[in-house]
Amino acid sequence: MTKPTSVGWTYKDLVAHVAAWEERTARQLKAFRETGAHERLSDGDVDAFNARIIESHRLVGPEAILDELDTSHRLLVHELMQLT
């Protein structure tokens, strides 16, 4: 998972990225469902979030990253099911 992709991110970085966005999306869905609040992000906000995720997971091992992905995906699915 440490091999770089063609854009320079490692596969571990990509998994951390997906896990973080799934977790963020789940939190936003819950807030929207409960309060109607909706947060808009600028391109700069998105870039900063992506950079923070990569940096904060630099020392996290592959197994822990996959665990985060599993947890965030379950949370996202749970929040999506609440919308039906």
C-alpha atoms as a PDB file:
ATOM      1  CA  MET A   1       0.000   0.000   0.000  1.00  0.00           C
ATOM      2  CA  THR A   2       3.022   2.274   0.083  1.00  0.00           C
ATOM      3  CA  LYS A   3       3.620   2.201  -3.648  1.00  0.00           C
ATOM      4  CA  PRO A   4       2.950   5.615  -5.224  1.00  0.00           C
ATOM      5  CA  THR A   5       0.244   6.016  -7.850  1.00  0.00           C
ATOM      6  CA  SER A   6       0.698   7.993 -11.043  1.00  0.00           C
ATOM      7  CA  VAL A   7      -0.419  11.171  -9.228  1.00  0.00           C
ATOM      8  CA  GLY A   8       2.052  10.686  -6.371  1.00  0.00           C
ATOM      9  CA  TRP A   9      -0.310   9.550  -3.640  1.00  0.00           C
ATOM     10  CA  THR A  10       0.256   6.094  -2.215  1.00  0.00           C
ATOM     11  CA  TYR A  11      -2.537   3.560  -2.153  1.00  0.00           C
ATOM     12  CA  LYS A  12      -2.581   4.036   1.626  1.00  0.00           C
ATOM     13  CA  ASP A  13      -3.140   7.766   1.043  1.00  0.00           C
ATOM     14  CA  LEU A  14      -6.053   6.987  -1.275  1.00  0.00           C
ATOM     15  CA  VAL A  15      -7.707   4.694   1.270  1.00  0.00           C
ATOM     16  CA  ALA A  16      -7.239   7.296   4.033  1.00  0.00           C
ATOM     17  CA  HIS A  17      -8.739   9.901   1.716  1.00  0.00           C
ATOM     18  CA  VAL A  18     -11.843   7.800   0.974  1.00  0.00           C
ATOM     19  CA  ALA A  19     -12.317   6.896   4.640  1.00  0.00           C
ATOM     20  CA  ALA A  20     -12.092  10.531   5.727  1.00  0.00           C
ATOM     21  CA  TRP A  21     -14.553  11.745   3.092  1.00  0.00           C
ATOM     22  CA  GLU A  22     -17.010   8.954   3.919  1.00  0.00           C
ATOM     23  CA  GLU A  23     -16.834   9.841   7.606  1.00  0.00           C
ATOM     24  CA  ARG A  24     -17.258  13.546   6.871  1.00  0.00           C
ATOM     25  CA  THR A  25     -20.181  12.868   4.557  1.00  0.00           C
ATOM     26  CA  ALA A  26     -21.879  10.716   7.191  1.00  0.00           C
ATOM     27  CA  ARG A  27     -21.529  13.507   9.771  1.00  0.00           C
ATOM     28  CA  GLN A  28     -22.894  16.047   7.300  1.00  0.00           C
ATOM     29  CA  LEU A  29     -25.862  13.818   6.414  1.00  0.00           C
ATOM     30  CA  LYS A  30     -26.679  13.397  10.094  1.00  0.00           C
ATOM     31  CA  ALA A  31     -26.503  17.144  10.691  1.00  0.00           C
ATOM     32  CA  PHE A  32     -28.664  17.817   7.645  1.00  0.00           C
ATOM     33  CA  ARG A  33     -31.220  15.215   8.711  1.00  0.00           C
ATOM     34  CA  GLU A  34     -31.387  16.552  12.286  1.00  0.00           C
ATOM     35  CA  THR A  35     -31.096  20.305  11.729  1.00  0.00           C
ATOM     36  CA  GLY A  36     -31.279  21.040   8.009  1.00  0.00           C
ATOM     37  CA  ALA A  37     -27.765  22.491   8.215  1.00  0.00           C
ATOM     38  CA  HIS A  38     -25.707  22.262   5.053  1.00  0.00           C
ATOM     39  CA  GLU A  39     -22.039  23.172   4.863  1.00  0.00           C
ATOM     40  CA  ARG A  40     -20.544  24.384   1.606  1.00  0.00           C
ATOM     41  CA  LEU A  41     -16.830  23.946   1.058  1.00  0.00           C
ATOM     42  CA  SER A  42     -14.643  26.087  -1.138  1.00  0.00           C
ATOM     43  CA  ASP A  43     -11.971  24.547  -3.347  1.00  0.00           C
ATOM     44  CA  GLY A  44      -9.441  25.752  -0.789  1.00  0.00           C
ATOM     45  CA  ASP A  45     -11.346  24.035   2.026  1.00  0.00           C
ATOM     46  CA  VAL A  46     -11.335  20.775   0.074  1.00  0.00           C
ATOM     47  CA  ASP A  47      -7.618  21.044  -0.697  1.00  0.00           C
ATOM     48  CA  ALA A  48      -6.823  21.799   2.957  1.00  0.00           C
ATOM     49  CA  PHE A  49      -8.953  18.872   4.156  1.00  0.00           C
ATOM     50  CA  ASN A  50      -7.222  16.514   1.732  1.00  0.00           C
ATOM     51  CA  ALA A  51      -3.779  17.711   2.828  1.00  0.00           C
ATOM     52  CA  ARG A  52      -4.673  17.318   6.534  1.00  0.00           C
ATOM     53  CA  ILE A  53      -5.885  13.770   5.961  1.00  0.00           C
ATOM     54  CA  ILE A  54      -2.709  12.705   4.208  1.00  0.00           C
ATOM     55  CA  GLU A  55      -0.492  14.326   6.836  1.00  0.00           C
ATOM     56  CA  SER A  56      -2.466  13.001   9.814  1.00  0.00           C
ATOM     57  CA  HIS A  57      -2.274   9.431   8.481  1.00  0.00           C
ATOM     58  CA  ARG A  58       1.400   9.438   7.544  1.00  0.00           C
ATOM     59  CA  LEU A  59       2.356   7.223  10.513  1.00  0.00           C
ATOM     60  CA  VAL A  60      -0.797   5.097  10.510  1.00  0.00           C
ATOM     61  CA  GLY A  61      -0.259   1.543   9.316  1.00  0.00           C
ATOM     62  CA  PRO A  62      -2.112  -0.080   6.412  1.00  0.00           C
ATOM     63  CA  GLU A  63      -4.197  -2.362   8.641  1.00  0.00           C
ATOM     64  CA  ALA A  64      -5.418   0.598  10.716  1.00  0.00           C
ATOM     65  CA  ILE A  65      -6.230   2.547   7.545  1.00  0.00           C
ATOM     66  CA  LEU A  66      -8.344  -0.340   6.247  1.00  0.00           C
ATOM     67  CA  ASP A  67     -10.066  -0.501   9.625  1.00  0.00           C
ATOM     68  CA  GLU A  68     -10.899   3.216   9.359  1.00  0.00           C
ATOM     69  CA  LEU A  69     -12.325   2.642   5.886  1.00  0.00           C
ATOM     70  CA  ASP A  70     -14.514  -0.185   7.147  1.00  0.00           C
ATOM     71  CA  THR A  71     -15.785   1.905  10.065  1.00  0.00           C
ATOM     72  CA  SER A  72     -16.424   5.032   8.005  1.00  0.00           C
ATOM     73  CA  HIS A  73     -18.214   3.052   5.308  1.00  0.00           C
ATOM     74  CA  ARG A  74     -20.530   1.419   7.839  1.00  0.00           C
ATOM     75  CA  LEU A  75     -21.272   4.842   9.325  1.00  0.00           C
ATOM     76  CA  LEU A  76     -22.036   6.293   5.901  1.00  0.00           C
ATOM     77  CA  VAL A  77     -24.332   3.394   4.984  1.00  0.00           C
ATOM     78  CA  HIS A  78     -26.114   3.790   8.322  1.00  0.00           C
ATOM     79  CA  GLU A  79     -26.722   7.501   7.714  1.00  0.00           C
ATOM     80  CA  LEU A  80     -27.888   6.872   4.158  1.00  0.00           C
ATOM     81  CA  MET A  81     -30.386   4.305   5.410  1.00  0.00           C
ATOM     82  CA  GLN A  82     -31.789   6.921   7.791  1.00  0.00           C
ATOM     83  CA  LEU A  83     -32.806   9.018   4.785  1.00  0.00           C
ATOM     84  CA  THR A  84     -35.217   6.411   3.421  1.00  0.00           C
END
